[in-house]
């Protein structure tokens, strides 16, 4: 596939991700939230936010049997899985992002933007653990990108050596 196709796939993925994370509630609910935007709503978001690394991860693991399966799964495994394509697609779409640290900085910036938007908009809840899990998922995706690139390179070398 061409870089242009990979860019289109990446952009579509980003739109789907934003829909899943920020605009997951029905439109009427989101409109009601925007109508309630006042200083106290923003302060409430700050007071309910999780700024302690590992706090919600430990809670979901410790009380996994107390939550509906989907809650625990979505908050732990889902937050990793949903960002694996980010780490794979970004360097496929943009050659400049072929290094791990560039993928890392891009995903940290993207995830921080989402979390800060949730913190100040009441369209979700800020959770520092989400940042950790999302970035971890993207780095797994980048690992897959590197592994597949290496396998393709090895296959080319072996093909050349057979000739």
N, C-alpha and C. Protein backbone atom coordinates (compact mmCIF):
# COMPACT_ATOMS: atom_id res chain seq x y z
N UNK A 1 0.84 -1.19 0.00
CA UNK A 1 0.00 0.00 0.00
C UNK A 1 0.88 1.25 0.00
N UNK A 2 0.36 2.31 -0.54
CA UNK A 2 1.11 3.55 -0.60
C UNK A 2 1.00 4.32 0.71
N UNK A 3 1.90 5.29 0.89
CA UNK A 3 1.85 6.15 2.09
C UNK A 3 0.51 6.87 2.18
N UNK A 4 -0.02 7.28 1.05
CA UNK A 4 -1.30 7.99 1.03
C UNK A 4 -2.42 7.12 1.61
N UNK A 5 -2.44 5.87 1.23
CA UNK A 5 -3.46 4.93 1.74
C UNK A 5 -3.28 4.73 3.24
N UNK A 6 -2.02 4.56 3.68
CA UNK A 6 -1.75 4.40 5.11
C UNK A 6 -2.18 5.65 5.89
N UNK A 7 -1.97 6.83 5.31
CA UNK A 7 -2.39 8.08 5.98
C UNK A 7 -3.91 8.13 6.12
N UNK A 8 -4.61 7.74 5.08
CA UNK A 8 -6.08 7.73 5.13
C UNK A 8 -6.56 6.74 6.19
N UNK A 9 -5.95 5.56 6.22
CA UNK A 9 -6.32 4.55 7.23
C UNK A 9 -6.05 5.10 8.62
N UNK A 10 -4.89 5.74 8.82
CA UNK A 10 -4.55 6.30 10.13
C UNK A 10 -5.54 7.38 10.54
N UNK A 11 -5.89 8.27 9.64
CA UNK A 11 -6.84 9.35 9.95
C UNK A 11 -8.22 8.78 10.29
N UNK A 12 -8.67 7.80 9.54
CA UNK A 12 -9.96 7.15 9.85
C UNK A 12 -9.89 6.51 11.23
N UNK A 13 -8.78 5.84 11.52
CA UNK A 13 -8.59 5.23 12.84
C UNK A 13 -8.66 6.29 13.95
N UNK A 14 -8.02 7.43 13.75
CA UNK A 14 -8.04 8.51 14.76
C UNK A 14 -9.47 9.00 14.98
N UNK A 15 -10.24 9.17 13.91
CA UNK A 15 -11.64 9.59 14.06
C UNK A 15 -12.45 8.55 14.84
N UNK A 16 -12.23 7.29 14.54
CA UNK A 16 -12.94 6.22 15.26
C UNK A 16 -12.53 6.23 16.74
N UNK A 17 -11.26 6.41 17.00
CA UNK A 17 -10.74 6.47 18.37
C UNK A 17 -11.38 7.63 19.15
N UNK A 18 -11.44 8.79 18.54
CA UNK A 18 -12.05 9.96 19.19
C UNK A 18 -13.53 9.70 19.46
N UNK A 19 -14.20 9.07 18.51
CA UNK A 19 -15.62 8.73 18.70
C UNK A 19 -15.79 7.76 19.87
N UNK A 20 -14.92 6.75 19.95
CA UNK A 20 -15.01 5.75 21.02
C UNK A 20 -14.68 6.32 22.40
N UNK A 21 -13.73 7.24 22.46
CA UNK A 21 -13.26 7.73 23.75
C UNK A 21 -14.02 8.97 24.20
N UNK A 22 -14.15 9.96 23.34
CA UNK A 22 -14.72 11.23 23.76
C UNK A 22 -16.22 11.29 23.51
N UNK A 23 -16.65 10.87 22.34
CA UNK A 23 -18.06 11.00 21.97
C UNK A 23 -18.80 9.67 22.05
N UNK A 24 -18.51 8.91 23.11
CA UNK A 24 -19.09 7.57 23.26
C UNK A 24 -20.55 7.60 23.73
N UNK A 25 -20.95 8.69 24.32
CA UNK A 25 -22.32 8.81 24.83
C UNK A 25 -23.25 9.30 23.74
N UNK A 26 -24.56 9.07 23.91
CA UNK A 26 -25.53 9.56 22.91
C UNK A 26 -25.43 11.09 22.78
N UNK A 27 -25.73 11.57 21.58
CA UNK A 27 -25.61 12.99 21.27
C UNK A 27 -26.38 13.86 22.27
N UNK A 28 -27.57 13.44 22.65
CA UNK A 28 -28.39 14.22 23.59
C UNK A 28 -27.67 14.40 24.92
N UNK A 29 -27.00 13.35 25.37
CA UNK A 29 -26.23 13.42 26.62
C UNK A 29 -25.08 14.42 26.50
N UNK A 30 -24.39 14.40 25.37
CA UNK A 30 -23.27 15.33 25.16
C UNK A 30 -23.76 16.77 25.11
N UNK A 31 -24.90 17.00 24.47
CA UNK A 31 -25.47 18.35 24.41
C UNK A 31 -25.83 18.81 25.82
N UNK A 32 -26.42 17.92 26.61
CA UNK A 32 -26.77 18.26 28.00
C UNK A 32 -25.52 18.59 28.81
N UNK A 33 -24.45 17.86 28.57
CA UNK A 33 -23.19 18.14 29.28
C UNK A 33 -22.67 19.53 28.91
N UNK A 34 -22.70 19.86 27.62
CA UNK A 34 -22.20 21.18 27.21
C UNK A 34 -23.04 22.30 27.79
N UNK A 35 -24.32 22.07 27.98
CA UNK A 35 -25.19 23.10 28.57
C UNK A 35 -24.88 23.31 30.05
N UNK A 36 -24.28 22.30 30.67
CA UNK A 36 -23.96 22.40 32.11
C UNK A 36 -22.56 22.95 32.36
N UNK A 37 -21.83 23.28 31.29
CA UNK A 37 -20.46 23.76 31.46
C UNK A 37 -20.42 25.07 32.23
N UNK A 38 -19.94 24.97 33.42
CA UNK A 38 -19.73 26.13 34.28
C UNK A 38 -18.49 25.83 35.09
N UNK A 39 -18.02 26.80 35.80
CA UNK A 39 -16.81 26.65 36.59
C UNK A 39 -16.90 25.46 37.55
N UNK A 40 -18.06 25.27 38.20
CA UNK A 40 -18.19 24.18 39.16
C UNK A 40 -18.14 22.80 38.50
N UNK A 41 -18.59 22.69 37.25
CA UNK A 41 -18.52 21.42 36.53
C UNK A 41 -17.05 21.06 36.27
N UNK A 42 -16.29 22.06 35.87
CA UNK A 42 -14.86 21.84 35.63
C UNK A 42 -14.16 21.46 36.93
N UNK A 43 -14.47 22.14 38.00
CA UNK A 43 -13.86 21.82 39.29
C UNK A 43 -14.25 20.43 39.76
N UNK A 44 -15.48 20.01 39.44
CA UNK A 44 -15.93 18.65 39.80
C UNK A 44 -15.11 17.62 39.04
N UNK A 45 -14.80 17.90 37.76
CA UNK A 45 -13.97 16.99 36.97
C UNK A 45 -12.59 16.84 37.57
N UNK A 46 -12.06 17.93 38.07
CA UNK A 46 -10.74 17.89 38.69
C UNK A 46 -10.79 17.10 39.99
N UNK A 47 -11.86 17.27 40.76
CA UNK A 47 -11.96 16.57 42.05
C UNK A 47 -12.18 15.07 41.89
N UNK A 48 -12.74 14.63 40.77
CA UNK A 48 -12.98 13.20 40.57
C UNK A 48 -11.90 12.53 39.73
N UNK A 49 -10.94 13.31 39.25
CA UNK A 49 -9.88 12.77 38.40
C UNK A 49 -8.91 11.91 39.22
N UNK A 50 -8.31 10.95 38.53
CA UNK A 50 -7.28 10.11 39.16
C UNK A 50 -5.91 10.59 38.71
N UNK A 51 -5.17 11.19 39.63
CA UNK A 51 -3.81 11.66 39.35
C UNK A 51 -2.76 10.74 39.96
N UNK A 52 -3.19 9.63 40.56
CA UNK A 52 -2.27 8.70 41.22
C UNK A 52 -2.00 7.51 40.30
N UNK A 53 -0.76 7.41 39.84
CA UNK A 53 -0.39 6.35 38.92
C UNK A 53 -0.59 4.97 39.56
N UNK A 54 -1.32 4.12 38.89
CA UNK A 54 -1.57 2.76 39.36
C UNK A 54 -2.83 2.59 40.19
N UNK A 55 -3.43 3.68 40.60
CA UNK A 55 -4.60 3.60 41.49
C UNK A 55 -5.78 2.85 40.86
N UNK A 56 -6.20 3.26 39.68
CA UNK A 56 -7.36 2.59 39.07
C UNK A 56 -6.98 1.21 38.54
N UNK A 57 -5.74 1.03 38.11
CA UNK A 57 -5.30 -0.30 37.65
C UNK A 57 -5.39 -1.29 38.82
N UNK A 58 -4.84 -0.89 39.96
CA UNK A 58 -4.92 -1.76 41.15
C UNK A 58 -6.37 -2.03 41.56
N UNK A 59 -7.21 -1.00 41.48
CA UNK A 59 -8.60 -1.16 41.86
C UNK A 59 -9.30 -2.18 40.96
N UNK A 60 -9.11 -2.06 39.64
CA UNK A 60 -9.77 -2.99 38.72
C UNK A 60 -9.23 -4.41 38.86
N UNK A 61 -7.96 -4.54 39.18
CA UNK A 61 -7.41 -5.89 39.38
C UNK A 61 -7.90 -6.47 40.71
N UNK A 62 -7.82 -5.69 41.77
CA UNK A 62 -8.22 -6.15 43.10
C UNK A 62 -9.70 -6.52 43.17
N UNK A 63 -10.54 -5.71 42.52
CA UNK A 63 -11.99 -5.92 42.61
C UNK A 63 -12.58 -6.38 41.28
N UNK A 64 -11.78 -7.10 40.49
CA UNK A 64 -12.22 -7.54 39.17
C UNK A 64 -13.54 -8.30 39.24
N UNK A 65 -13.70 -9.13 40.24
CA UNK A 65 -14.92 -9.94 40.37
C UNK A 65 -16.12 -9.13 40.86
N UNK A 66 -15.90 -7.92 41.33
CA UNK A 66 -17.00 -7.07 41.84
C UNK A 66 -17.63 -6.22 40.74
N UNK A 67 -16.88 -5.99 39.66
CA UNK A 67 -17.37 -5.17 38.55
C UNK A 67 -17.96 -6.07 37.48
N UNK A 68 -18.88 -5.52 36.68
CA UNK A 68 -19.30 -6.28 35.50
C UNK A 68 -18.06 -6.54 34.64
N UNK A 69 -18.01 -7.69 34.02
CA UNK A 69 -16.83 -8.09 33.24
C UNK A 69 -16.40 -6.98 32.28
N UNK A 70 -17.36 -6.40 31.57
CA UNK A 70 -17.03 -5.40 30.56
C UNK A 70 -16.31 -4.20 31.17
N UNK A 71 -16.70 -3.76 32.37
CA UNK A 71 -16.04 -2.62 33.02
C UNK A 71 -14.55 -2.88 33.21
N UNK A 72 -14.22 -3.98 33.85
CA UNK A 72 -12.82 -4.31 34.10
C UNK A 72 -12.05 -4.52 32.82
N UNK A 73 -12.65 -5.24 31.89
CA UNK A 73 -11.99 -5.53 30.62
C UNK A 73 -11.72 -4.24 29.85
N UNK A 74 -12.74 -3.40 29.72
CA UNK A 74 -12.59 -2.16 28.95
C UNK A 74 -11.56 -1.24 29.57
N UNK A 75 -11.52 -1.18 30.88
CA UNK A 75 -10.60 -0.26 31.53
C UNK A 75 -9.17 -0.75 31.58
N UNK A 76 -8.96 -2.00 31.55
CA UNK A 76 -7.59 -2.52 31.60
C UNK A 76 -7.14 -2.96 30.20
N UNK A 77 -7.70 -4.03 29.72
CA UNK A 77 -7.28 -4.61 28.45
C UNK A 77 -7.69 -3.70 27.28
N UNK A 78 -8.90 -3.18 27.34
CA UNK A 78 -9.41 -2.33 26.26
C UNK A 78 -8.56 -1.09 26.03
N UNK A 79 -8.10 -0.47 27.11
CA UNK A 79 -7.27 0.73 26.98
C UNK A 79 -5.92 0.44 26.32
N UNK A 80 -5.47 -0.79 26.42
CA UNK A 80 -4.23 -1.19 25.74
C UNK A 80 -4.56 -1.55 24.28
N UNK A 81 -5.53 -2.42 24.08
CA UNK A 81 -5.85 -2.92 22.74
C UNK A 81 -6.22 -1.82 21.75
N UNK A 82 -6.98 -0.85 22.22
CA UNK A 82 -7.49 0.18 21.31
C UNK A 82 -6.36 1.07 20.77
N UNK A 83 -5.21 1.09 21.44
CA UNK A 83 -4.10 1.92 20.97
C UNK A 83 -3.00 1.14 20.24
N UNK A 84 -3.12 -0.17 20.15
CA UNK A 84 -2.13 -0.95 19.39
C UNK A 84 -2.09 -0.48 17.93
N UNK A 85 -3.22 -0.26 17.27
CA UNK A 85 -3.15 0.24 15.89
C UNK A 85 -2.43 1.59 15.75
N UNK A 86 -2.52 2.43 16.76
CA UNK A 86 -1.84 3.73 16.72
C UNK A 86 -0.34 3.53 16.51
N UNK A 87 0.25 2.67 17.32
CA UNK A 87 1.69 2.43 17.25
C UNK A 87 2.11 1.74 15.97
N UNK A 88 1.22 1.00 15.35
CA UNK A 88 1.52 0.33 14.09
C UNK A 88 1.30 1.26 12.90
N UNK A 89 0.17 1.96 12.91
CA UNK A 89 -0.21 2.77 11.75
C UNK A 89 0.59 4.07 11.62
N UNK A 90 0.95 4.70 12.74
CA UNK A 90 1.66 5.98 12.66
C UNK A 90 2.95 5.89 11.84
N UNK A 91 3.85 4.96 12.13
CA UNK A 91 5.07 4.89 11.31
C UNK A 91 4.81 4.38 9.88
N UNK A 92 3.73 3.63 9.67
CA UNK A 92 3.38 3.21 8.31
C UNK A 92 2.92 4.42 7.48
N UNK A 93 2.19 5.33 8.13
CA UNK A 93 1.65 6.50 7.45
C UNK A 93 2.67 7.62 7.31
N UNK A 94 3.52 7.76 8.29
CA UNK A 94 4.47 8.87 8.32
C UNK A 94 5.88 8.33 8.59
N UNK A 95 6.70 8.32 7.55
CA UNK A 95 8.06 7.77 7.66
C UNK A 95 8.87 8.45 8.75
N UNK A 96 8.63 9.73 8.98
CA UNK A 96 9.36 10.47 10.01
C UNK A 96 9.12 9.90 11.40
N UNK A 97 8.07 9.12 11.55
CA UNK A 97 7.74 8.52 12.86
C UNK A 97 8.19 7.07 12.93
N UNK A 98 9.26 6.75 12.26
CA UNK A 98 9.76 5.38 12.23
C UNK A 98 10.57 4.99 13.46
N UNK A 99 10.93 5.95 14.28
CA UNK A 99 11.70 5.69 15.50
C UNK A 99 10.75 5.57 16.69
N UNK A 100 11.11 4.71 17.65
CA UNK A 100 10.23 4.46 18.79
C UNK A 100 9.94 5.73 19.59
N UNK A 101 10.93 6.58 19.76
CA UNK A 101 10.74 7.77 20.58
C UNK A 101 9.80 8.77 19.92
N UNK A 102 9.75 8.78 18.59
CA UNK A 102 8.81 9.68 17.91
C UNK A 102 7.38 9.17 18.07
N UNK A 103 7.21 7.87 17.98
CA UNK A 103 5.88 7.28 18.22
C UNK A 103 5.48 7.56 19.67
N UNK A 104 6.43 7.39 20.58
CA UNK A 104 6.17 7.63 22.00
C UNK A 104 5.70 9.06 22.24
N UNK A 105 6.45 10.04 21.70
CA UNK A 105 6.07 11.44 21.90
C UNK A 105 4.72 11.76 21.27
N UNK A 106 4.47 11.24 20.09
CA UNK A 106 3.19 11.48 19.41
C UNK A 106 2.03 10.91 20.21
N UNK A 107 2.16 9.68 20.66
CA UNK A 107 1.05 9.06 21.39
C UNK A 107 0.86 9.72 22.75
N UNK A 108 1.94 10.09 23.42
CA UNK A 108 1.80 10.78 24.71
C UNK A 108 1.06 12.10 24.49
N UNK A 109 1.44 12.85 23.47
CA UNK A 109 0.75 14.10 23.17
C UNK A 109 -0.71 13.91 22.85
N UNK A 110 -1.01 12.91 22.04
CA UNK A 110 -2.39 12.63 21.65
C UNK A 110 -3.24 12.21 22.85
N UNK A 111 -2.72 11.28 23.63
CA UNK A 111 -3.45 10.77 24.79
C UNK A 111 -3.61 11.87 25.84
N UNK A 112 -2.57 12.64 26.06
CA UNK A 112 -2.68 13.76 27.02
C UNK A 112 -3.74 14.75 26.57
N UNK A 113 -3.82 15.01 25.27
CA UNK A 113 -4.85 15.91 24.75
C UNK A 113 -6.24 15.37 25.05
N UNK A 114 -6.43 14.09 24.83
CA UNK A 114 -7.73 13.47 25.11
C UNK A 114 -8.05 13.54 26.60
N UNK A 115 -7.10 13.18 27.43
CA UNK A 115 -7.33 13.17 28.88
C UNK A 115 -7.58 14.57 29.42
N UNK A 116 -6.83 15.55 28.94
CA UNK A 116 -7.06 16.93 29.39
C UNK A 116 -8.41 17.45 28.91
N UNK A 117 -8.79 17.08 27.69
CA UNK A 117 -10.11 17.46 27.19
C UNK A 117 -11.19 16.86 28.09
N UNK A 118 -11.03 15.59 28.46
CA UNK A 118 -12.00 14.95 29.35
C UNK A 118 -12.02 15.63 30.72
N UNK A 119 -10.86 16.02 31.21
CA UNK A 119 -10.76 16.66 32.52
C UNK A 119 -11.56 17.96 32.56
N UNK A 120 -11.44 18.76 31.51
CA UNK A 120 -12.05 20.08 31.53
C UNK A 120 -13.41 20.17 30.84
N UNK A 121 -13.84 19.10 30.17
CA UNK A 121 -15.10 19.16 29.42
C UNK A 121 -16.23 18.36 30.06
N UNK A 122 -15.92 17.45 30.96
CA UNK A 122 -16.90 16.53 31.56
C UNK A 122 -17.42 15.53 30.52
N UNK A 123 -16.69 15.32 29.43
CA UNK A 123 -17.04 14.32 28.43
C UNK A 123 -16.39 12.98 28.76
N UNK A 124 -15.96 12.82 29.94
CA UNK A 124 -15.30 11.62 30.40
C UNK A 124 -14.57 11.94 31.68
N UNK A 125 -13.69 11.05 32.10
CA UNK A 125 -12.96 11.27 33.35
C UNK A 125 -11.47 11.16 33.10
N UNK A 126 -10.72 12.09 33.66
CA UNK A 126 -9.28 12.06 33.56
C UNK A 126 -8.75 10.93 34.44
N UNK A 127 -7.87 10.11 33.86
CA UNK A 127 -7.26 9.03 34.63
C UNK A 127 -5.83 8.85 34.12
N UNK A 128 -4.87 9.11 34.99
CA UNK A 128 -3.46 8.99 34.61
C UNK A 128 -3.13 7.55 34.19
N UNK A 129 -3.85 6.59 34.72
CA UNK A 129 -3.64 5.19 34.33
C UNK A 129 -4.04 4.94 32.88
N UNK A 130 -5.03 5.67 32.39
CA UNK A 130 -5.40 5.56 30.98
C UNK A 130 -4.22 5.97 30.10
N UNK A 131 -3.51 6.99 30.52
CA UNK A 131 -2.35 7.45 29.76
C UNK A 131 -1.32 6.32 29.69
N UNK A 132 -1.04 5.72 30.83
CA UNK A 132 -0.07 4.62 30.89
C UNK A 132 -0.51 3.45 30.00
N UNK A 133 -1.76 3.04 30.11
CA UNK A 133 -2.26 1.90 29.34
C UNK A 133 -2.31 2.20 27.85
N UNK A 134 -2.78 3.41 27.48
CA UNK A 134 -2.85 3.78 26.07
C UNK A 134 -1.47 3.86 25.43
N UNK A 135 -0.54 4.49 26.12
CA UNK A 135 0.83 4.58 25.60
C UNK A 135 1.44 3.19 25.51
N UNK A 136 1.21 2.36 26.51
CA UNK A 136 1.70 0.98 26.46
C UNK A 136 1.16 0.24 25.26
N UNK A 137 -0.13 0.41 24.98
CA UNK A 137 -0.73 -0.23 23.80
C UNK A 137 -0.10 0.24 22.51
N UNK A 138 0.12 1.54 22.39
CA UNK A 138 0.75 2.08 21.18
C UNK A 138 2.17 1.54 21.02
N UNK A 139 2.88 1.39 22.11
CA UNK A 139 4.25 0.88 22.01
C UNK A 139 4.25 -0.61 21.64
N UNK A 140 3.23 -1.35 22.05
CA UNK A 140 3.08 -2.74 21.59
C UNK A 140 2.85 -2.72 20.07
N UNK A 141 2.00 -1.81 19.62
CA UNK A 141 1.76 -1.68 18.18
C UNK A 141 3.02 -1.32 17.42
N UNK A 142 3.84 -0.45 18.00
CA UNK A 142 5.11 -0.10 17.36
C UNK A 142 6.03 -1.32 17.33
N UNK A 143 6.02 -2.10 18.40
CA UNK A 143 6.80 -3.33 18.43
C UNK A 143 6.40 -4.28 17.31
N UNK A 144 5.10 -4.38 17.05
CA UNK A 144 4.60 -5.20 15.93
C UNK A 144 5.08 -4.64 14.60
N UNK A 145 5.04 -3.31 14.47
CA UNK A 145 5.54 -2.67 13.25
C UNK A 145 7.00 -3.02 13.00
N UNK A 146 7.82 -2.92 14.03
CA UNK A 146 9.26 -3.22 13.91
C UNK A 146 9.46 -4.70 13.57
N UNK A 147 8.71 -5.57 14.24
CA UNK A 147 8.85 -7.00 14.02
C UNK A 147 8.45 -7.37 12.58
N UNK A 148 7.34 -6.84 12.10
CA UNK A 148 6.89 -7.14 10.73
C UNK A 148 7.87 -6.56 9.71
N UNK A 149 8.40 -5.36 9.97
CA UNK A 149 9.40 -4.77 9.07
C UNK A 149 10.65 -5.64 9.01
N UNK A 150 11.07 -6.15 10.16
CA UNK A 150 12.26 -7.01 10.23
C UNK A 150 12.02 -8.32 9.48
N UNK A 151 10.84 -8.92 9.68
CA UNK A 151 10.50 -10.18 8.98
C UNK A 151 10.50 -9.98 7.48
N UNK A 152 9.89 -8.88 7.02
CA UNK A 152 9.87 -8.60 5.57
C UNK A 152 11.28 -8.41 5.03
N UNK A 153 12.11 -7.72 5.78
CA UNK A 153 13.50 -7.50 5.36
C UNK A 153 14.25 -8.83 5.28
N UNK A 154 14.06 -9.69 6.27
CA UNK A 154 14.70 -11.02 6.28
C UNK A 154 14.22 -11.86 5.11
N UNK A 155 12.94 -11.78 4.80
CA UNK A 155 12.41 -12.56 3.67
C UNK A 155 13.02 -12.08 2.36
N UNK A 156 13.21 -10.76 2.20
CA UNK A 156 13.85 -10.24 1.00
C UNK A 156 15.29 -10.72 0.90
N UNK A 157 16.01 -10.67 2.01
CA UNK A 157 17.41 -11.10 2.02
C UNK A 157 17.50 -12.58 1.65
N UNK A 158 16.65 -13.39 2.21
CA UNK A 158 16.67 -14.83 1.91
C UNK A 158 16.32 -15.11 0.46
N UNK A 159 15.39 -14.32 -0.06
CA UNK A 159 14.98 -14.47 -1.45
C UNK A 159 16.15 -14.12 -2.38
N UNK A 160 16.88 -13.06 -2.07
CA UNK A 160 18.04 -12.65 -2.85
C UNK A 160 19.14 -13.70 -2.76
N UNK A 161 19.35 -14.25 -1.56
CA UNK A 161 20.41 -15.24 -1.36
C UNK A 161 20.13 -16.54 -2.11
N UNK A 162 18.85 -16.87 -2.32
CA UNK A 162 18.49 -18.10 -3.05
C UNK A 162 18.81 -17.98 -4.54
N UNK A 163 18.84 -16.78 -5.04
CA UNK A 163 19.08 -16.57 -6.48
C UNK A 163 20.48 -16.80 -6.85
